[in-house]
Amino acid sequence: MAILKHLAMLLAVIGTLNWGVVGIFDYNVVNELFGSSSITAEIIYILVGLSGLYLLANWIKGD
């Protein structure tokens, strides 16, 4: 489980950094790297969202 938690943290950090860049510079790094309508970008967004939910659940649970 420790590997899953570290992977979730890494994806959440990548997602927050991307949103920070979007907010400050209006530049989406994920879309630039993979294309705005690519399946890869969509998968990345889904994984980042799932990582956030996983970390939230662990935080509420107290782990």
PDB file of N, CA and C in Angstrom:
ATOM      1  N   MET A   1       0.809  -1.200   0.000  1.00  0.00           N
ATOM      2  CA  MET A   1       0.000   0.000   0.000  1.00  0.00           C
ATOM      3  C   MET A   1       0.852   1.264   0.000  1.00  0.00           C
ATOM      4  N   ALA A   2       2.061   1.172   0.528  1.00  0.00           N
ATOM      5  CA  ALA A   2       2.915   2.358   0.577  1.00  0.00           C
ATOM      6  C   ALA A   2       3.268   2.828  -0.833  1.00  0.00           C
ATOM      7  N   ILE A   3       3.453   1.892  -1.755  1.00  0.00           N
ATOM      8  CA  ILE A   3       3.772   2.267  -3.137  1.00  0.00           C
ATOM      9  C   ILE A   3       2.582   2.987  -3.763  1.00  0.00           C
ATOM     10  N   LEU A   4       1.369   2.488  -3.516  1.00  0.00           N
ATOM     11  CA  LEU A   4       0.171   3.125  -4.051  1.00  0.00           C
ATOM     12  C   LEU A   4       0.014   4.538  -3.498  1.00  0.00           C
ATOM     13  N   LYS A   5       0.292   4.701  -2.211  1.00  0.00           N
ATOM     14  CA  LYS A   5       0.175   6.023  -1.596  1.00  0.00           C
ATOM     15  C   LYS A   5       1.213   6.985  -2.183  1.00  0.00           C
ATOM     16  N   HIS A   6       2.424   6.516  -2.416  1.00  0.00           N
ATOM     17  CA  HIS A   6       3.461   7.370  -3.011  1.00  0.00           C
ATOM     18  C   HIS A   6       3.114   7.731  -4.454  1.00  0.00           C
ATOM     19  N   LEU A   7       2.588   6.776  -5.204  1.00  0.00           N
ATOM     20  CA  LEU A   7       2.183   7.045  -6.579  1.00  0.00           C
ATOM     21  C   LEU A   7       1.030   8.051  -6.613  1.00  0.00           C
ATOM     22  N   ALA A   8       0.076   7.875  -5.717  1.00  0.00           N
ATOM     23  CA  ALA A   8      -1.041   8.821  -5.640  1.00  0.00           C
ATOM     24  C   ALA A   8      -0.540  10.215  -5.291  1.00  0.00           C
ATOM     25  N   MET A   9       0.412  10.300  -4.373  1.00  0.00           N
ATOM     26  CA  MET A   9       0.964  11.599  -3.998  1.00  0.00           C
ATOM     27  C   MET A   9       1.685  12.239  -5.178  1.00  0.00           C
ATOM     28  N   LEU A  10       2.458  11.448  -5.913  1.00  0.00           N
ATOM     29  CA  LEU A  10       3.170  11.972  -7.074  1.00  0.00           C
ATOM     30  C   LEU A  10       2.190  12.508  -8.117  1.00  0.00           C
ATOM     31  N   LEU A  11       1.144  11.745  -8.419  1.00  0.00           N
ATOM     32  CA  LEU A  11       0.157  12.194  -9.400  1.00  0.00           C
ATOM     33  C   LEU A  11      -0.590  13.431  -8.917  1.00  0.00           C
ATOM     34  N   ALA A  12      -0.897  13.492  -7.641  1.00  0.00           N
ATOM     35  CA  ALA A  12      -1.577  14.670  -7.094  1.00  0.00           C
ATOM     36  C   ALA A  12      -0.683  15.907  -7.184  1.00  0.00           C
ATOM     37  N   VAL A  13       0.594  15.751  -6.916  1.00  0.00           N
ATOM     38  CA  VAL A  13       1.532  16.877  -7.026  1.00  0.00           C
ATOM     39  C   VAL A  13       1.642  17.327  -8.480  1.00  0.00           C
ATOM     40  N   ILE A  14       1.731  16.383  -9.408  1.00  0.00           N
ATOM     41  CA  ILE A  14       1.779  16.745 -10.826  1.00  0.00           C
ATOM     42  C   ILE A  14       0.514  17.514 -11.212  1.00  0.00           C
ATOM     43  N   GLY A  15      -0.623  17.044 -10.752  1.00  0.00           N
ATOM     44  CA  GLY A  15      -1.883  17.716 -11.053  1.00  0.00           C
ATOM     45  C   GLY A  15      -1.958  19.115 -10.465  1.00  0.00           C
ATOM     46  N   THR A  16      -1.510  19.273  -9.225  1.00  0.00           N
ATOM     47  CA  THR A  16      -1.567  20.601  -8.614  1.00  0.00           C
ATOM     48  C   THR A  16      -0.593  21.563  -9.281  1.00  0.00           C
ATOM     49  N   LEU A  17       0.578  21.063  -9.663  1.00  0.00           N
ATOM     50  CA  LEU A  17       1.518  21.930 -10.376  1.00  0.00           C
ATOM     51  C   LEU A  17       0.949  22.354 -11.726  1.00  0.00           C
ATOM     52  N   ASN A  18       0.312  21.426 -12.425  1.00  0.00           N
ATOM     53  CA  ASN A  18      -0.292  21.765 -13.711  1.00  0.00           C
ATOM     54  C   ASN A  18      -1.376  22.829 -13.527  1.00  0.00           C
ATOM     55  N   TRP A  19      -2.233  22.661 -12.515  1.00  0.00           N
ATOM     56  CA  TRP A  19      -3.287  23.654 -12.286  1.00  0.00           C
ATOM     57  C   TRP A  19      -2.720  24.997 -11.856  1.00  0.00           C
ATOM     58  N   GLY A  20      -1.622  24.969 -11.126  1.00  0.00           N
ATOM     59  CA  GLY A  20      -0.963  26.228 -10.775  1.00  0.00           C
ATOM     60  C   GLY A  20      -0.455  26.956 -12.006  1.00  0.00           C
ATOM     61  N   VAL A  21       0.147  26.217 -12.927  1.00  0.00           N
ATOM     62  CA  VAL A  21       0.640  26.813 -14.168  1.00  0.00           C
ATOM     63  C   VAL A  21      -0.531  27.324 -15.012  1.00  0.00           C
ATOM     64  N   VAL A  22      -1.633  26.567 -15.038  1.00  0.00           N
ATOM     65  CA  VAL A  22      -2.820  27.019 -15.773  1.00  0.00           C
ATOM     66  C   VAL A  22      -3.339  28.332 -15.173  1.00  0.00           C
ATOM     67  N   GLY A  23      -3.406  28.387 -13.860  1.00  0.00           N
ATOM     68  CA  GLY A  23      -3.929  29.580 -13.202  1.00  0.00           C
ATOM     69  C   GLY A  23      -3.042  30.799 -13.354  1.00  0.00           C
ATOM     70  N   ILE A  24      -1.749  30.603 -13.272  1.00  0.00           N
ATOM     71  CA  ILE A  24      -0.820  31.737 -13.317  1.00  0.00           C
ATOM     72  C   ILE A  24      -0.508  32.167 -14.744  1.00  0.00           C
ATOM     73  N   PHE A  25      -0.227  31.196 -15.611  1.00  0.00           N
ATOM     74  CA  PHE A  25       0.258  31.508 -16.956  1.00  0.00           C
ATOM     75  C   PHE A  25      -0.728  31.174 -18.074  1.00  0.00           C
ATOM     76  N   ASP A  26      -1.892  30.587 -17.721  1.00  0.00           N
ATOM     77  CA  ASP A  26      -2.876  30.155 -18.718  1.00  0.00           C
ATOM     78  C   ASP A  26      -2.237  29.215 -19.744  1.00  0.00           C
ATOM     79  N   TYR A  27      -1.459  28.264 -19.244  1.00  0.00           N
ATOM     80  CA  TYR A  27      -0.729  27.308 -20.075  1.00  0.00           C
ATOM     81  C   TYR A  27      -0.903  25.924 -19.470  1.00  0.00           C
ATOM     82  N   ASN A  28      -1.503  25.009 -20.207  1.00  0.00           N
ATOM     83  CA  ASN A  28      -1.757  23.665 -19.708  1.00  0.00           C
ATOM     84  C   ASN A  28      -0.654  22.729 -20.193  1.00  0.00           C
ATOM     85  N   VAL A  29       0.196  22.306 -19.268  1.00  0.00           N
ATOM     86  CA  VAL A  29       1.349  21.471 -19.607  1.00  0.00           C
ATOM     87  C   VAL A  29       0.909  20.105 -20.139  1.00  0.00           C
ATOM     88  N   VAL A  30      -0.075  19.496 -19.515  1.00  0.00           N
ATOM     89  CA  VAL A  30      -0.537  18.168 -19.943  1.00  0.00           C
ATOM     90  C   VAL A  30      -1.073  18.235 -21.370  1.00  0.00           C
ATOM     91  N   ASN A  31      -1.881  19.239 -21.664  1.00  0.00           N
ATOM     92  CA  ASN A  31      -2.420  19.377 -23.023  1.00  0.00           C
ATOM     93  C   ASN A  31      -1.319  19.646 -24.035  1.00  0.00           C
ATOM     94  N   GLU A  32      -0.318  20.401 -23.661  1.00  0.00           N
ATOM     95  CA  GLU A  32       0.790  20.680 -24.571  1.00  0.00           C
ATOM     96  C   GLU A  32       1.616  19.430 -24.852  1.00  0.00           C
ATOM     97  N   LEU A  33       1.814  18.614 -23.841  1.00  0.00           N
ATOM     98  CA  LEU A  33       2.620  17.409 -24.021  1.00  0.00           C
ATOM     99  C   LEU A  33       1.882  16.307 -24.779  1.00  0.00           C
ATOM    100  N   PHE A  34       0.589  16.154 -24.508  1.00  0.00           N
ATOM    101  CA  PHE A  34      -0.139  15.007 -25.041  1.00  0.00           C
ATOM    102  C   PHE A  34      -1.271  15.371 -25.995  1.00  0.00           C
ATOM    103  N   GLY A  35      -1.586  16.641 -26.138  1.00  0.00           N
ATOM    104  CA  GLY A  35      -2.703  17.064 -26.983  1.00  0.00           C
ATOM    105  C   GLY A  35      -3.973  17.194 -26.167  1.00  0.00           C
ATOM    106  N   SER A  36      -4.736  18.242 -26.449  1.00  0.00           N
ATOM    107  CA  SER A  36      -5.902  18.538 -25.610  1.00  0.00           C
ATOM    108  C   SER A  36      -7.010  17.500 -25.721  1.00  0.00           C
ATOM    109  N   SER A  37      -7.100  16.817 -26.832  1.00  0.00           N
ATOM    110  CA  SER A  37      -8.177  15.838 -26.988  1.00  0.00           C
ATOM    111  C   SER A  37      -7.659  14.401 -27.070  1.00  0.00           C
ATOM    112  N   SER A  38      -6.427  14.187 -26.610  1.00  0.00           N
ATOM    113  CA  SER A  38      -5.873  12.837 -26.690  1.00  0.00           C
ATOM    114  C   SER A  38      -6.365  11.970 -25.540  1.00  0.00           C
ATOM    115  N   ILE A  39      -6.428  10.702 -25.780  1.00  0.00           N
ATOM    116  CA  ILE A  39      -6.845   9.757 -24.742  1.00  0.00           C
ATOM    117  C   ILE A  39      -5.822   9.721 -23.614  1.00  0.00           C
ATOM    118  N   THR A  40      -4.554   9.950 -23.930  1.00  0.00           N
ATOM    119  CA  THR A  40      -3.508   9.955 -22.902  1.00  0.00           C
ATOM    120  C   THR A  40      -3.736  11.079 -21.896  1.00  0.00           C
ATOM    121  N   ALA A  41      -4.063  12.272 -22.391  1.00  0.00           N
ATOM    122  CA  ALA A  41      -4.341  13.397 -21.492  1.00  0.00           C
ATOM    123  C   ALA A  41      -5.560  13.091 -20.626  1.00  0.00           C
ATOM    124  N   GLU A  42      -6.585  12.502 -21.212  1.00  0.00           N
ATOM    125  CA  GLU A  42      -7.782  12.151 -20.450  1.00  0.00           C
ATOM    126  C   GLU A  42      -7.458  11.139 -19.353  1.00  0.00           C
ATOM    127  N   ILE A  43      -6.634  10.162 -19.675  1.00  0.00           N
ATOM    128  CA  ILE A  43      -6.236   9.158 -18.681  1.00  0.00           C
ATOM    129  C   ILE A  43      -5.448   9.813 -17.555  1.00  0.00           C
ATOM    130  N   ILE A  44      -4.565  10.731 -17.892  1.00  0.00           N
ATOM    131  CA  ILE A  44      -3.791  11.438 -16.865  1.00  0.00           C
ATOM    132  C   ILE A  44      -4.726  12.201 -15.944  1.00  0.00           C
ATOM    133  N   TYR A  45      -5.699  12.926 -16.504  1.00  0.00           N
ATOM    134  CA  TYR A  45      -6.644  13.672 -15.676  1.00  0.00           C
ATOM    135  C   TYR A  45      -7.450  12.741 -14.777  1.00  0.00           C
ATOM    136  N   ILE A  46      -7.863  11.600 -15.296  1.00  0.00           N
ATOM    137  CA  ILE A  46      -8.613  10.632 -14.489  1.00  0.00           C
ATOM    138  C   ILE A  46      -7.752  10.082 -13.367  1.00  0.00           C
ATOM    139  N   LEU A  47      -6.505   9.738 -13.672  1.00  0.00           N
ATOM    140  CA  LEU A  47      -5.604   9.207 -12.638  1.00  0.00           C
ATOM    141  C   LEU A  47      -5.306  10.248 -11.566  1.00  0.00           C
ATOM    142  N   VAL A  48      -5.146  11.494 -11.959  1.00  0.00           N
ATOM    143  CA  VAL A  48      -4.909  12.569 -10.982  1.00  0.00           C
ATOM    144  C   VAL A  48      -6.135  12.718 -10.081  1.00  0.00           C
ATOM    145  N   GLY A  49      -7.328  12.686 -10.670  1.00  0.00           N
ATOM    146  CA  GLY A  49      -8.552  12.777  -9.869  1.00  0.00           C
ATOM    147  C   GLY A  49      -8.720  11.612  -8.915  1.00  0.00           C
ATOM    148  N   LEU A  50      -8.455  10.407  -9.397  1.00  0.00           N
ATOM    149  CA  LEU A  50      -8.537   9.231  -8.528  1.00  0.00           C
ATOM    150  C   LEU A  50      -7.499   9.279  -7.418  1.00  0.00           C
ATOM    151  N   SER A  51      -6.333   9.804  -7.732  1.00  0.00           N
ATOM    152  CA  SER A  51      -5.290   9.951  -6.713  1.00  0.00           C
ATOM    153  C   SER A  51      -5.737  10.903  -5.621  1.00  0.00           C
ATOM    154  N   GLY A  52      -6.358  11.994  -6.022  1.00  0.00           N
ATOM    155  CA  GLY A  52      -6.870  12.944  -5.040  1.00  0.00           C
ATOM    156  C   GLY A  52      -7.926  12.325  -4.139  1.00  0.00           C
ATOM    157  N   LEU A  53      -8.825  11.546  -4.737  1.00  0.00           N
ATOM    158  CA  LEU A  53      -9.853  10.876  -3.938  1.00  0.00           C
ATOM    159  C   LEU A  53      -9.245   9.851  -2.987  1.00  0.00           C
ATOM    160  N   TYR A  54      -8.258   9.112  -3.465  1.00  0.00           N
ATOM    161  CA  TYR A  54      -7.571   8.123  -2.628  1.00  0.00           C
ATOM    162  C   TYR A  54      -6.887   8.809  -1.437  1.00  0.00           C
ATOM    163  N   LEU A  55      -6.185   9.905  -1.709  1.00  0.00           N
ATOM    164  CA  LEU A  55      -5.499  10.622  -0.631  1.00  0.00           C
ATOM    165  C   LEU A  55      -6.502  11.252   0.342  1.00  0.00           C
ATOM    166  N   LEU A  56      -7.606  11.757  -0.167  1.00  0.00           N
ATOM    167  CA  LEU A  56      -8.648  12.318   0.695  1.00  0.00           C
ATOM    168  C   LEU A  56      -9.229  11.251   1.599  1.00  0.00           C
ATOM    169  N   ALA A  57      -9.502  10.077   1.046  1.00  0.00           N
ATOM    170  CA  ALA A  57     -10.048   8.979   1.851  1.00  0.00           C
ATOM    171  C   ALA A  57      -9.060   8.561   2.936  1.00  0.00           C
ATOM    172  N   ASN A  58      -7.782   8.484   2.594  1.00  0.00           N
ATOM    173  CA  ASN A  58      -6.778   8.130   3.593  1.00  0.00           C
ATOM    174  C   ASN A  58      -6.626   9.210   4.661  1.00  0.00           C
ATOM    175  N   TRP A  59      -6.755  10.450   4.252  1.00  0.00           N
ATOM    176  CA  TRP A  59      -6.650  11.561   5.207  1.00  0.00           C
ATOM    177  C   TRP A  59      -7.817  11.533   6.195  1.00  0.00           C
ATOM    178  N   ILE A  60      -9.032  11.294   5.675  1.00  0.00           N
ATOM    179  CA  ILE A  60     -10.212  11.214   6.535  1.00  0.00           C
ATOM    180  C   ILE A  60     -10.115  10.027   7.477  1.00  0.00           C
ATOM    181  N   LYS A  61      -9.608   8.914   6.943  1.00  0.00           N
ATOM    182  CA  LYS A  61      -9.455   7.683   7.742  1.00  0.00           C
ATOM    183  C   LYS A  61      -8.369   7.835   8.804  1.00  0.00           C
ATOM    184  N   GLY A  62      -7.429   8.738   8.560  1.00  0.00           N
ATOM    185  CA  GLY A  62      -6.379   8.970   9.531  1.00  0.00           C
ATOM    186  C   GLY A  62      -5.091   8.216   9.258  1.00  0.00           C
ATOM    187  N   ASP A  63      -4.907   7.712   8.056  1.00  0.00           N
ATOM    188  CA  ASP A  63      -3.676   6.971   7.708  1.00  0.00           C
ATOM    189  C   ASP A  63      -2.570   7.913   7.331  1.00  0.00           C
TER     190      ASP A  63
END
